[in-house]
């Protein structure tokens, strides 16, 4: 392929292309390799999964009642299940495209938002009034698992936090136990794999959200400074990615250097790009590949 792939609804396709580094999917750049944890639970693949222990462990980490918590097959299933329960919703862009894919749009219905915003990386104001808050990147931005607003649906993604998109792990924190039970009833039977369920407690033991958030901010600032020096204008962000609203040619130029960025097309901004914060050992490669803006 001579140029980057056409814009899609999601990033993370670099393993299907001839690229050295995929920065189109925003994963925790400081997460330890989770492979040994998963390898230690391969004996679970011969059994039907039971998410009881994983639910209790995650509820303890999130400091929520387990009766309000539902594990899901990734954050995408959390979005689909809550959208099916609520039916209608309002979305103000730019926002993650999966919300509108699953919702019937209704400007008078409860608002959905990502916090921090995906793609801009900005944290939502405390009085934003959203009914559904997608907190997939919130732990990495703030060092806390959840904002904890009362009466709000909060969605999460352990896939993002532990940088393991191939093992789908998400969750819904419902406003109360009754509504959580309705989400469980909608969830396909054995939705979350036995491998994921068995691994969640061990993964949680490796979490250091406060240190990760601080380290990500340092890496993000380094990336933002170089982009700005070279004439690009990233939006100030709290997340583990940067949004450049006007970036003609940047995605092509980085792809030529073996680095894949996320097109802004699925967010309604075809001239924009989103670039994930790389792991520390890859930062010098990324900075050297950024071209000056023409």
C-alpha atoms as a PDB file:
ATOM      1  CA  UNK A   1       0.000   0.000   0.000  1.00  0.00           C
ATOM      2  CA  UNK A   2       1.486   3.342  -1.074  1.00  0.00           C
ATOM      3  CA  UNK A   3      -0.673   5.458   1.219  1.00  0.00           C
ATOM      4  CA  UNK A   4      -2.568   5.072   4.474  1.00  0.00           C
ATOM      5  CA  UNK A   5      -5.795   3.067   4.464  1.00  0.00           C
ATOM      6  CA  UNK A   6      -9.054   4.914   3.820  1.00  0.00           C
ATOM      7  CA  UNK A   7     -10.729   6.322   6.908  1.00  0.00           C
ATOM      8  CA  UNK A   8     -12.660   3.773   8.930  1.00  0.00           C
ATOM      9  CA  UNK A   9     -14.876   3.844  11.982  1.00  0.00           C
ATOM     10  CA  UNK A  10     -12.068   2.714  14.246  1.00  0.00           C
ATOM     11  CA  UNK A  11      -8.299   2.638  14.506  1.00  0.00           C
ATOM     12  CA  UNK A  12      -6.045  -0.245  15.402  1.00  0.00           C
ATOM     13  CA  UNK A  13      -5.657  -1.824  11.969  1.00  0.00           C
ATOM     14  CA  UNK A  14      -1.908  -1.382  11.738  1.00  0.00           C
ATOM     15  CA  UNK A  15      -1.230  -5.097  12.206  1.00  0.00           C
ATOM     16  CA  UNK A  16      -3.037  -5.680   8.900  1.00  0.00           C
ATOM     17  CA  UNK A  17      -0.783  -3.221   7.073  1.00  0.00           C
ATOM     18  CA  UNK A  18       2.911  -2.775   6.487  1.00  0.00           C
ATOM     19  CA  UNK A  19       3.434  -0.306   9.321  1.00  0.00           C
ATOM     20  CA  UNK A  20       6.017  -0.322  12.074  1.00  0.00           C
ATOM     21  CA  UNK A  21       3.983   1.589  14.651  1.00  0.00           C
ATOM     22  CA  UNK A  22       0.219   1.953  14.981  1.00  0.00           C
ATOM     23  CA  UNK A  23      -0.808   5.197  16.672  1.00  0.00           C
ATOM     24  CA  UNK A  24      -4.352   5.080  15.304  1.00  0.00           C
ATOM     25  CA  UNK A  25      -5.600   3.252  18.412  1.00  0.00           C
ATOM     26  CA  UNK A  26      -5.158   4.981  21.752  1.00  0.00           C
ATOM     27  CA  UNK A  27      -3.970   2.426  24.301  1.00  0.00           C
ATOM     28  CA  UNK A  28      -2.161   2.927  27.589  1.00  0.00           C
ATOM     29  CA  UNK A  29       1.485   3.520  26.575  1.00  0.00           C
ATOM     30  CA  UNK A  30       2.697   2.682  30.090  1.00  0.00           C
ATOM     31  CA  UNK A  31       0.803  -0.563  30.674  1.00  0.00           C
ATOM     32  CA  UNK A  32       3.013  -3.553  31.417  1.00  0.00           C
ATOM     33  CA  UNK A  33       2.860  -6.448  28.982  1.00  0.00           C
ATOM     34  CA  UNK A  34      -0.350  -8.329  29.910  1.00  0.00           C
ATOM     35  CA  UNK A  35       0.622 -11.484  28.020  1.00  0.00           C
ATOM     36  CA  UNK A  36       2.048 -13.340  31.063  1.00  0.00           C
ATOM     37  CA  UNK A  37      -1.208 -12.790  32.956  1.00  0.00           C
ATOM     38  CA  UNK A  38      -3.311 -14.144  30.104  1.00  0.00           C
ATOM     39  CA  UNK A  39      -0.884 -17.040  29.624  1.00  0.00           C
ATOM     40  CA  UNK A  40      -1.395 -17.976  33.252  1.00  0.00           C
ATOM     41  CA  UNK A  41      -5.122 -18.476  32.690  1.00  0.00           C
ATOM     42  CA  UNK A  42      -5.167 -20.559  29.530  1.00  0.00           C
ATOM     43  CA  UNK A  43      -6.718 -23.401  31.502  1.00  0.00           C
ATOM     44  CA  UNK A  44      -9.992 -21.427  31.468  1.00  0.00           C
ATOM     45  CA  UNK A  45     -10.573 -21.852  27.744  1.00  0.00           C
ATOM     46  CA  UNK A  46     -12.096 -25.292  28.252  1.00  0.00           C
ATOM     47  CA  UNK A  47     -14.823 -24.023  30.584  1.00  0.00           C
ATOM     48  CA  UNK A  48     -17.815 -21.756  30.234  1.00  0.00           C
ATOM     49  CA  UNK A  49     -16.987 -18.388  31.793  1.00  0.00           C
ATOM     50  CA  UNK A  50     -18.170 -17.125  35.175  1.00  0.00           C
ATOM     51  CA  UNK A  51     -17.709 -13.405  35.754  1.00  0.00           C
ATOM     52  CA  UNK A  52     -18.549 -13.376  39.492  1.00  0.00           C
ATOM     53  CA  UNK A  53     -15.010 -13.014  40.825  1.00  0.00           C
ATOM     54  CA  UNK A  54     -14.028 -10.495  38.153  1.00  0.00           C
ATOM     55  CA  UNK A  55     -17.126  -8.381  38.858  1.00  0.00           C
ATOM     56  CA  UNK A  56     -16.391  -8.249  42.584  1.00  0.00           C
ATOM     57  CA  UNK A  57     -12.729  -7.374  41.994  1.00  0.00           C
ATOM     58  CA  UNK A  58     -13.549  -4.600  39.527  1.00  0.00           C
ATOM     59  CA  UNK A  59     -16.345  -3.211  41.719  1.00  0.00           C
ATOM     60  CA  UNK A  60     -13.855  -3.006  44.585  1.00  0.00           C
ATOM     61  CA  UNK A  61     -11.372  -1.108  42.402  1.00  0.00           C
ATOM     62  CA  UNK A  62     -14.087   1.243  41.125  1.00  0.00           C
ATOM     63  CA  UNK A  63     -15.572   1.589  44.624  1.00  0.00           C
ATOM     64  CA  UNK A  64     -19.091   0.840  43.413  1.00  0.00           C
ATOM     65  CA  UNK A  65     -21.641  -1.693  44.561  1.00  0.00           C
ATOM     66  CA  UNK A  66     -21.205  -4.911  42.531  1.00  0.00           C
ATOM     67  CA  UNK A  67     -24.955  -4.954  41.922  1.00  0.00           C
ATOM     68  CA  UNK A  68     -24.550  -1.838  39.739  1.00  0.00           C
ATOM     69  CA  UNK A  69     -21.647  -3.225  37.697  1.00  0.00           C
ATOM     70  CA  UNK A  70     -21.941  -5.292  34.516  1.00  0.00           C
ATOM     71  CA  UNK A  71     -18.891  -6.692  32.721  1.00  0.00           C
ATOM     72  CA  UNK A  72     -19.071  -6.522  28.935  1.00  0.00           C
ATOM     73  CA  UNK A  73     -17.214  -7.807  25.915  1.00  0.00           C
ATOM     74  CA  UNK A  74     -15.269  -4.585  25.522  1.00  0.00           C
ATOM     75  CA  UNK A  75     -16.369  -0.974  25.681  1.00  0.00           C
ATOM     76  CA  UNK A  76     -18.146  -1.353  22.342  1.00  0.00           C
ATOM     77  CA  UNK A  77     -20.585  -3.873  23.824  1.00  0.00           C
ATOM     78  CA  UNK A  78     -21.145  -1.563  26.799  1.00  0.00           C
ATOM     79  CA  UNK A  79     -22.151   1.184  24.360  1.00  0.00           C
ATOM     80  CA  UNK A  80     -24.434  -1.130  22.374  1.00  0.00           C
ATOM     81  CA  UNK A  81     -26.185  -2.529  25.471  1.00  0.00           C
ATOM     82  CA  UNK A  82     -26.907   0.839  27.066  1.00  0.00           C
ATOM     83  CA  UNK A  83     -28.011   2.294  23.732  1.00  0.00           C
ATOM     84  CA  UNK A  84     -30.422  -0.629  23.306  1.00  0.00           C
ATOM     85  CA  UNK A  85     -31.797  -0.020  26.796  1.00  0.00           C
ATOM     86  CA  UNK A  86     -32.266   3.731  26.344  1.00  0.00           C
ATOM     87  CA  UNK A  87     -33.207   3.695  22.657  1.00  0.00           C
ATOM     88  CA  UNK A  88     -32.839   7.404  22.006  1.00  0.00           C
ATOM     89  CA  UNK A  89     -30.044   9.820  22.744  1.00  0.00           C
ATOM     90  CA  UNK A  90     -28.426  13.085  21.749  1.00  0.00           C
ATOM     91  CA  UNK A  91     -24.817  13.437  20.664  1.00  0.00           C
ATOM     92  CA  UNK A  92     -22.926  16.679  20.060  1.00  0.00           C
ATOM     93  CA  UNK A  93     -19.853  16.259  17.857  1.00  0.00           C
ATOM     94  CA  UNK A  94     -17.100  15.687  17.498  1.00  0.00           C
ATOM     95  CA  UNK A  95     -17.721  12.381  19.250  1.00  0.00           C
ATOM     96  CA  UNK A  96     -16.991   8.682  18.953  1.00  0.00           C
ATOM     97  CA  UNK A  97     -19.042   7.374  16.035  1.00  0.00           C
ATOM     98  CA  UNK A  98     -20.347   4.237  17.791  1.00  0.00           C
ATOM     99  CA  UNK A  99     -22.851   6.258  19.820  1.00  0.00           C
ATOM    100  CA  UNK A 100     -24.825   7.387  16.796  1.00  0.00           C
ATOM    101  CA  UNK A 101     -24.451   3.974  15.192  1.00  0.00           C
ATOM    102  CA  UNK A 102     -26.469   2.381  18.012  1.00  0.00           C
ATOM    103  CA  UNK A 103     -28.798   5.240  19.034  1.00  0.00           C
ATOM    104  CA  UNK A 104     -31.905   6.722  17.507  1.00  0.00           C
ATOM    105  CA  UNK A 105     -30.995  10.414  17.446  1.00  0.00           C
ATOM    106  CA  UNK A 106     -33.248  12.666  19.514  1.00  0.00           C
ATOM    107  CA  UNK A 107     -32.046  16.144  20.529  1.00  0.00           C
ATOM    108  CA  UNK A 108     -34.451  16.143  23.476  1.00  0.00           C
ATOM    109  CA  UNK A 109     -33.172  12.803  24.856  1.00  0.00           C
ATOM    110  CA  UNK A 110     -30.351  12.281  27.340  1.00  0.00           C
ATOM    111  CA  UNK A 111     -26.930  13.309  26.114  1.00  0.00           C
ATOM    112  CA  UNK A 112     -24.041  10.937  25.519  1.00  0.00           C
ATOM    113  CA  UNK A 113     -20.464  12.120  25.894  1.00  0.00           C
ATOM    114  CA  UNK A 114     -16.959  10.723  26.055  1.00  0.00           C
ATOM    115  CA  UNK A 115     -14.918  11.981  28.995  1.00  0.00           C
ATOM    116  CA  UNK A 116     -12.260  12.885  28.078  1.00  0.00           C
ATOM    117  CA  UNK A 117     -13.693  13.686  24.703  1.00  0.00           C
ATOM    118  CA  UNK A 118     -12.798  11.342  21.895  1.00  0.00           C
ATOM    119  CA  UNK A 119     -11.231  12.792  19.743  1.00  0.00           C
ATOM    120  CA  UNK A 120     -10.183  16.128  21.324  1.00  0.00           C
ATOM    121  CA  UNK A 121      -8.931  14.729  24.634  1.00  0.00           C
ATOM    122  CA  UNK A 122     -10.596  17.465  26.716  1.00  0.00           C
ATOM    123  CA  UNK A 123     -12.169  16.544  30.044  1.00  0.00           C
ATOM    124  CA  UNK A 124     -15.877  17.295  30.354  1.00  0.00           C
ATOM    125  CA  UNK A 125     -16.911  20.181  32.640  1.00  0.00           C
ATOM    126  CA  UNK A 126     -18.302  19.153  36.002  1.00  0.00           C
ATOM    127  CA  UNK A 127     -21.744  20.513  35.106  1.00  0.00           C
ATOM    128  CA  UNK A 128     -22.026  18.958  31.640  1.00  0.00           C
ATOM    129  CA  UNK A 129     -25.260  17.148  32.504  1.00  0.00           C
ATOM    130  CA  UNK A 130     -24.619  14.042  30.401  1.00  0.00           C
ATOM    131  CA  UNK A 131     -26.817  11.003  30.998  1.00  0.00           C
ATOM    132  CA  UNK A 132     -24.262   8.538  29.577  1.00  0.00           C
ATOM    133  CA  UNK A 133     -20.561   9.090  30.132  1.00  0.00           C
ATOM    134  CA  UNK A 134     -18.034   6.994  28.231  1.00  0.00           C
ATOM    135  CA  UNK A 135     -15.015   6.916  30.533  1.00  0.00           C
ATOM    136  CA  UNK A 136     -12.825   4.650  28.399  1.00  0.00           C
ATOM    137  CA  UNK A 137      -9.875   7.038  28.750  1.00  0.00           C
ATOM    138  CA  UNK A 138     -10.832   8.688  32.049  1.00  0.00           C
ATOM    139  CA  UNK A 139      -8.486   6.590  34.246  1.00  0.00           C
ATOM    140  CA  UNK A 140      -5.504   7.427  32.038  1.00  0.00           C
ATOM    141  CA  UNK A 141      -6.383  11.127  32.010  1.00  0.00           C
ATOM    142  CA  UNK A 142      -7.109  11.604  35.706  1.00  0.00           C
ATOM    143  CA  UNK A 143      -5.600   8.728  37.666  1.00  0.00           C
ATOM    144  CA  UNK A 144      -9.067   7.772  38.925  1.00  0.00           C
ATOM    145  CA  UNK A 145     -11.264   4.952  37.686  1.00  0.00           C
ATOM    146  CA  UNK A 146     -14.502   6.947  37.367  1.00  0.00           C
ATOM    147  CA  UNK A 147     -15.966  10.373  38.010  1.00  0.00           C
ATOM    148  CA  UNK A 148     -18.745   8.772  40.032  1.00  0.00           C
ATOM    149  CA  UNK A 149     -21.671  11.033  39.130  1.00  0.00           C
ATOM    150  CA  UNK A 150     -24.968   9.956  40.681  1.00  0.00           C
ATOM    151  CA  UNK A 151     -27.761   8.968  38.296  1.00  0.00           C
ATOM    152  CA  UNK A 152     -25.401   8.614  35.333  1.00  0.00           C
ATOM    153  CA  UNK A 153     -24.547   5.610  33.186  1.00  0.00           C
ATOM    154  CA  UNK A 154     -20.736   5.254  33.178  1.00  0.00           C
ATOM    155  CA  UNK A 155     -19.033   3.074  30.584  1.00  0.00           C
ATOM    156  CA  UNK A 156     -15.470   1.811  30.840  1.00  0.00           C
ATOM    157  CA  UNK A 157     -12.834  -0.100  28.883  1.00  0.00           C
ATOM    158  CA  UNK A 158     -10.198  -2.246  30.545  1.00  0.00           C
ATOM    159  CA  UNK A 159      -9.048  -2.957  26.997  1.00  0.00           C
ATOM    160  CA  UNK A 160      -7.747   0.626  26.792  1.00  0.00           C
ATOM    161  CA  UNK A 161      -6.366   0.786  30.336  1.00  0.00           C
ATOM    162  CA  UNK A 162      -4.374  -2.445  30.071  1.00  0.00           C
ATOM    163  CA  UNK A 163      -3.552  -2.129  26.335  1.00  0.00           C
ATOM    164  CA  UNK A 164      -5.024  -5.465  25.276  1.00  0.00           C
ATOM    165  CA  UNK A 165      -7.575  -4.840  22.505  1.00  0.00           C
ATOM    166  CA  UNK A 166      -7.547  -8.475  21.471  1.00  0.00           C
ATOM    167  CA  UNK A 167      -9.063  -9.515  24.811  1.00  0.00           C
ATOM    168  CA  UNK A 168     -12.351  -7.651  25.073  1.00  0.00           C
ATOM    169  CA  UNK A 169     -13.032  -6.253  28.550  1.00  0.00           C
ATOM    170  CA  UNK A 170     -15.431  -3.414  29.277  1.00  0.00           C
ATOM    171  CA  UNK A 171     -18.057  -2.515  31.839  1.00  0.00           C
ATOM    172  CA  UNK A 172     -21.218  -0.589  32.599  1.00  0.00           C
ATOM    173  CA  UNK A 173     -21.828   1.181  35.896  1.00  0.00           C
ATOM    174  CA  UNK A 174     -25.596   1.595  35.955  1.00  0.00           C
ATOM    175  CA  UNK A 175     -27.363   4.292  37.996  1.00  0.00           C
ATOM    176  CA  UNK A 176     -28.872   1.584  40.215  1.00  0.00           C
ATOM    177  CA  UNK A 177     -29.084  -2.186  40.641  1.00  0.00           C
ATOM    178  CA  UNK A 178     -32.406  -2.534  38.820  1.00  0.00           C
ATOM    179  CA  UNK A 179     -31.108  -0.915  35.662  1.00  0.00           C
ATOM    180  CA  UNK A 180     -27.902  -2.943  35.891  1.00  0.00           C
ATOM    181  CA  UNK A 181     -30.010  -6.078  35.955  1.00  0.00           C
ATOM    182  CA  UNK A 182     -31.757  -4.956  32.763  1.00  0.00           C
ATOM    183  CA  UNK A 183     -28.361  -4.632  31.083  1.00  0.00           C
ATOM    184  CA  UNK A 184     -27.421  -8.126  32.260  1.00  0.00           C
ATOM    185  CA  UNK A 185     -30.626  -9.437  30.727  1.00  0.00           C
ATOM    186  CA  UNK A 186     -29.707  -7.832  27.394  1.00  0.00           C
ATOM    187  CA  UNK A 187     -26.143  -9.127  27.446  1.00  0.00           C
ATOM    188  CA  UNK A 188     -25.577 -12.278  25.371  1.00  0.00           C
ATOM    189  CA  UNK A 189     -24.991 -15.347  27.500  1.00  0.00           C
ATOM    190  CA  UNK A 190     -21.278 -15.866  28.267  1.00  0.00           C
ATOM    191  CA  UNK A 191     -20.502 -12.535  26.657  1.00  0.00           C
ATOM    192  CA  UNK A 192     -17.173 -12.039  28.455  1.00  0.00           C
ATOM    193  CA  UNK A 193     -14.660 -14.800  27.807  1.00  0.00           C
ATOM    194  CA  UNK A 194     -13.334 -17.086  30.501  1.00  0.00           C
ATOM    195  CA  UNK A 195      -9.828 -15.837  29.769  1.00  0.00           C
ATOM    196  CA  UNK A 196     -10.908 -12.239  30.381  1.00  0.00           C
ATOM    197  CA  UNK A 197     -12.902 -13.058  33.517  1.00  0.00           C
ATOM    198  CA  UNK A 198     -10.023 -15.000  35.079  1.00  0.00           C
ATOM    199  CA  UNK A 199      -7.469 -12.314  34.210  1.00  0.00           C
ATOM    200  CA  UNK A 200      -9.294  -9.226  35.481  1.00  0.00           C
ATOM    201  CA  UNK A 201      -8.267  -9.552  39.167  1.00  0.00           C
ATOM    202  CA  UNK A 202      -4.605 -10.041  38.246  1.00  0.00           C
ATOM    203  CA  UNK A 203      -4.666  -7.152  35.782  1.00  0.00           C
ATOM    204  CA  UNK A 204      -6.155  -4.884  38.443  1.00  0.00           C
ATOM    205  CA  UNK A 205      -3.243  -5.766  40.725  1.00  0.00           C
ATOM    206  CA  UNK A 206      -0.861  -4.226  38.156  1.00  0.00           C
ATOM    207  CA  UNK A 207      -2.790  -0.958  37.856  1.00  0.00           C
ATOM    208  CA  UNK A 208      -1.073   2.251  38.961  1.00  0.00           C
ATOM    209  CA  UNK A 209      -3.468   4.847  37.627  1.00  0.00           C
ATOM    210  CA  UNK A 210      -1.911   7.843  39.324  1.00  0.00           C
ATOM    211  CA  UNK A 211       1.592   7.062  38.042  1.00  0.00           C
ATOM    212  CA  UNK A 212       0.256   6.200  34.601  1.00  0.00           C
ATOM    213  CA  UNK A 213      -1.677   9.459  34.365  1.00  0.00           C
ATOM    214  CA  UNK A 214       1.382  11.498  35.378  1.00  0.00           C
ATOM    215  CA  UNK A 215       3.660   9.646  32.972  1.00  0.00           C
ATOM    216  CA  UNK A 216       1.207   9.956  30.089  1.00  0.00           C
ATOM    217  CA  UNK A 217       0.941  13.712  30.663  1.00  0.00           C
ATOM    218  CA  UNK A 218       4.721  14.032  30.406  1.00  0.00           C
ATOM    219  CA  UNK A 219       4.851  12.014  27.192  1.00  0.00           C
ATOM    220  CA  UNK A 220       1.866  13.888  25.735  1.00  0.00           C
ATOM    221  CA  UNK A 221       3.470  17.257  26.492  1.00  0.00           C
ATOM    222  CA  UNK A 222       6.671  16.164  24.779  1.00  0.00           C
ATOM    223  CA  UNK A 223       4.754  15.088  21.686  1.00  0.00           C
ATOM    224  CA  UNK A 224       2.627  18.247  21.652  1.00  0.00           C
ATOM    225  CA  UNK A 225       5.678  20.491  21.954  1.00  0.00           C
ATOM    226  CA  UNK A 226       7.403  18.932  18.943  1.00  0.00           C
ATOM    227  CA  UNK A 227       4.238  19.057  16.863  1.00  0.00           C
ATOM    228  CA  UNK A 228       3.822  22.751  17.687  1.00  0.00           C
ATOM    229  CA  UNK A 229       7.474  23.520  16.929  1.00  0.00           C
ATOM    230  CA  UNK A 230       7.030  21.988  13.492  1.00  0.00           C
ATOM    231  CA  UNK A 231       3.961  24.091  12.681  1.00  0.00           C
ATOM    232  CA  UNK A 232       1.129  21.746  13.626  1.00  0.00           C
ATOM    233  CA  UNK A 233      -1.442  22.835  16.200  1.00  0.00           C
ATOM    234  CA  UNK A 234      -2.580  20.081  18.567  1.00  0.00           C
ATOM    235  CA  UNK A 235      -5.500  20.876  20.842  1.00  0.00           C
ATOM    236  CA  UNK A 236      -4.611  20.976  24.569  1.00  0.00           C
ATOM    237  CA  UNK A 237      -5.664  17.600  25.978  1.00  0.00           C
ATOM    238  CA  UNK A 238      -5.837  15.504  29.128  1.00  0.00           C
ATOM    239  CA  UNK A 239      -5.985  12.136  27.364  1.00  0.00           C
ATOM    240  CA  UNK A 240      -3.417   9.706  25.989  1.00  0.00           C
ATOM    241  CA  UNK A 241      -3.832  11.147  22.485  1.00  0.00           C
ATOM    242  CA  UNK A 242      -3.717  14.473  20.672  1.00  0.00           C
ATOM    243  CA  UNK A 243      -6.175  15.958  18.172  1.00  0.00           C
ATOM    244  CA  UNK A 244      -4.940  18.153  15.334  1.00  0.00           C
ATOM    245  CA  UNK A 245      -8.012  19.700  13.682  1.00  0.00           C
ATOM    246  CA  UNK A 246      -6.194  20.948  10.582  1.00  0.00           C
ATOM    247  CA  UNK A 247      -3.481  18.524   9.486  1.00  0.00           C
ATOM    248  CA  UNK A 248      -3.279  18.330   5.680  1.00  0.00           C
ATOM    249  CA  UNK A 249      -0.735  15.769   4.575  1.00  0.00           C
ATOM    250  CA  UNK A 250       0.375  14.723   8.054  1.00  0.00           C
ATOM    251  CA  UNK A 251      -1.215  11.264   7.973  1.00  0.00           C
ATOM    252  CA  UNK A 252       0.316  10.508   4.566  1.00  0.00           C
ATOM    253  CA  UNK A 253       3.746  11.732   5.617  1.00  0.00           C
ATOM    254  CA  UNK A 254       3.768   9.698   8.840  1.00  0.00           C
ATOM    255  CA  UNK A 255       2.513   6.604   7.017  1.00  0.00           C
ATOM    256  CA  UNK A 256       5.477   6.900   4.650  1.00  0.00           C
ATOM    257  CA  UNK A 257       7.664   6.624   7.758  1.00  0.00           C
ATOM    258  CA  UNK A 258       5.852   3.473   8.894  1.00  0.00           C
ATOM    259  CA  UNK A 259       3.570   5.177  11.451  1.00  0.00           C
ATOM    260  CA  UNK A 260      -0.223   5.020  11.196  1.00  0.00           C
ATOM    261  CA  UNK A 261      -2.375   7.870  12.560  1.00  0.00           C
ATOM    262  CA  UNK A 262      -6.137   7.985  12.974  1.00  0.00           C
ATOM    263  CA  UNK A 263      -8.059   9.927  10.344  1.00  0.00           C
ATOM    264  CA  UNK A 264     -10.537  12.462  11.669  1.00  0.00           C
ATOM    265  CA  UNK A 265     -13.114  11.487   9.032  1.00  0.00           C
ATOM    266  CA  UNK A 266     -15.172   9.252  11.321  1.00  0.00           C
ATOM    267  CA  UNK A 267     -15.443  12.187  13.722  1.00  0.00           C
ATOM    268  CA  UNK A 268     -16.745  14.426  10.933  1.00  0.00           C
ATOM    269  CA  UNK A 269     -13.405  16.166  10.318  1.00  0.00           C
ATOM    270  CA  UNK A 270     -11.643  14.626   7.308  1.00  0.00           C
ATOM    271  CA  UNK A 271      -8.715  17.068   7.459  1.00  0.00           C
ATOM    272  CA  UNK A 272      -7.963  16.246  11.092  1.00  0.00           C
ATOM    273  CA  UNK A 273      -5.867  13.503  12.670  1.00  0.00           C
ATOM    274  CA  UNK A 274      -5.715  11.916  16.107  1.00  0.00           C
ATOM    275  CA  UNK A 275      -2.342  10.650  17.246  1.00  0.00           C
ATOM    276  CA  UNK A 276      -1.909   8.332  20.218  1.00  0.00           C
ATOM    277  CA  UNK A 277       0.835   8.960  22.745  1.00  0.00           C
ATOM    278  CA  UNK A 278       3.488   6.307  21.993  1.00  0.00           C
ATOM    279  CA  UNK A 279       5.310   4.126  24.465  1.00  0.00           C
ATOM    280  CA  UNK A 280       8.400   5.885  25.882  1.00  0.00           C
ATOM    281  CA  UNK A 281      10.840   3.700  23.960  1.00  0.00           C
ATOM    282  CA  UNK A 282       9.169   4.673  20.661  1.00  0.00           C
ATOM    283  CA  UNK A 283       8.914   8.407  21.307  1.00  0.00           C
ATOM    284  CA  UNK A 284      12.177   9.383  19.598  1.00  0.00           C
ATOM    285  CA  UNK A 285      11.111   7.476  16.471  1.00  0.00           C
ATOM    286  CA  UNK A 286       7.794   9.325  16.375  1.00  0.00           C
ATOM    287  CA  UNK A 287       9.297  12.751  16.951  1.00  0.00           C
ATOM    288  CA  UNK A 288      11.883  12.195  14.202  1.00  0.00           C
ATOM    289  CA  UNK A 289       9.128  11.198  11.747  1.00  0.00           C
ATOM    290  CA  UNK A 290       7.008  14.352  12.165  1.00  0.00           C
ATOM    291  CA  UNK A 291       7.484  16.578   9.116  1.00  0.00           C
ATOM    292  CA  UNK A 292       7.456  20.375   9.270  1.00  0.00           C
ATOM    293  CA  UNK A 293       4.187  21.814   8.091  1.00  0.00           C
ATOM    294  CA  UNK A 294       4.474  23.148   4.572  1.00  0.00           C
END
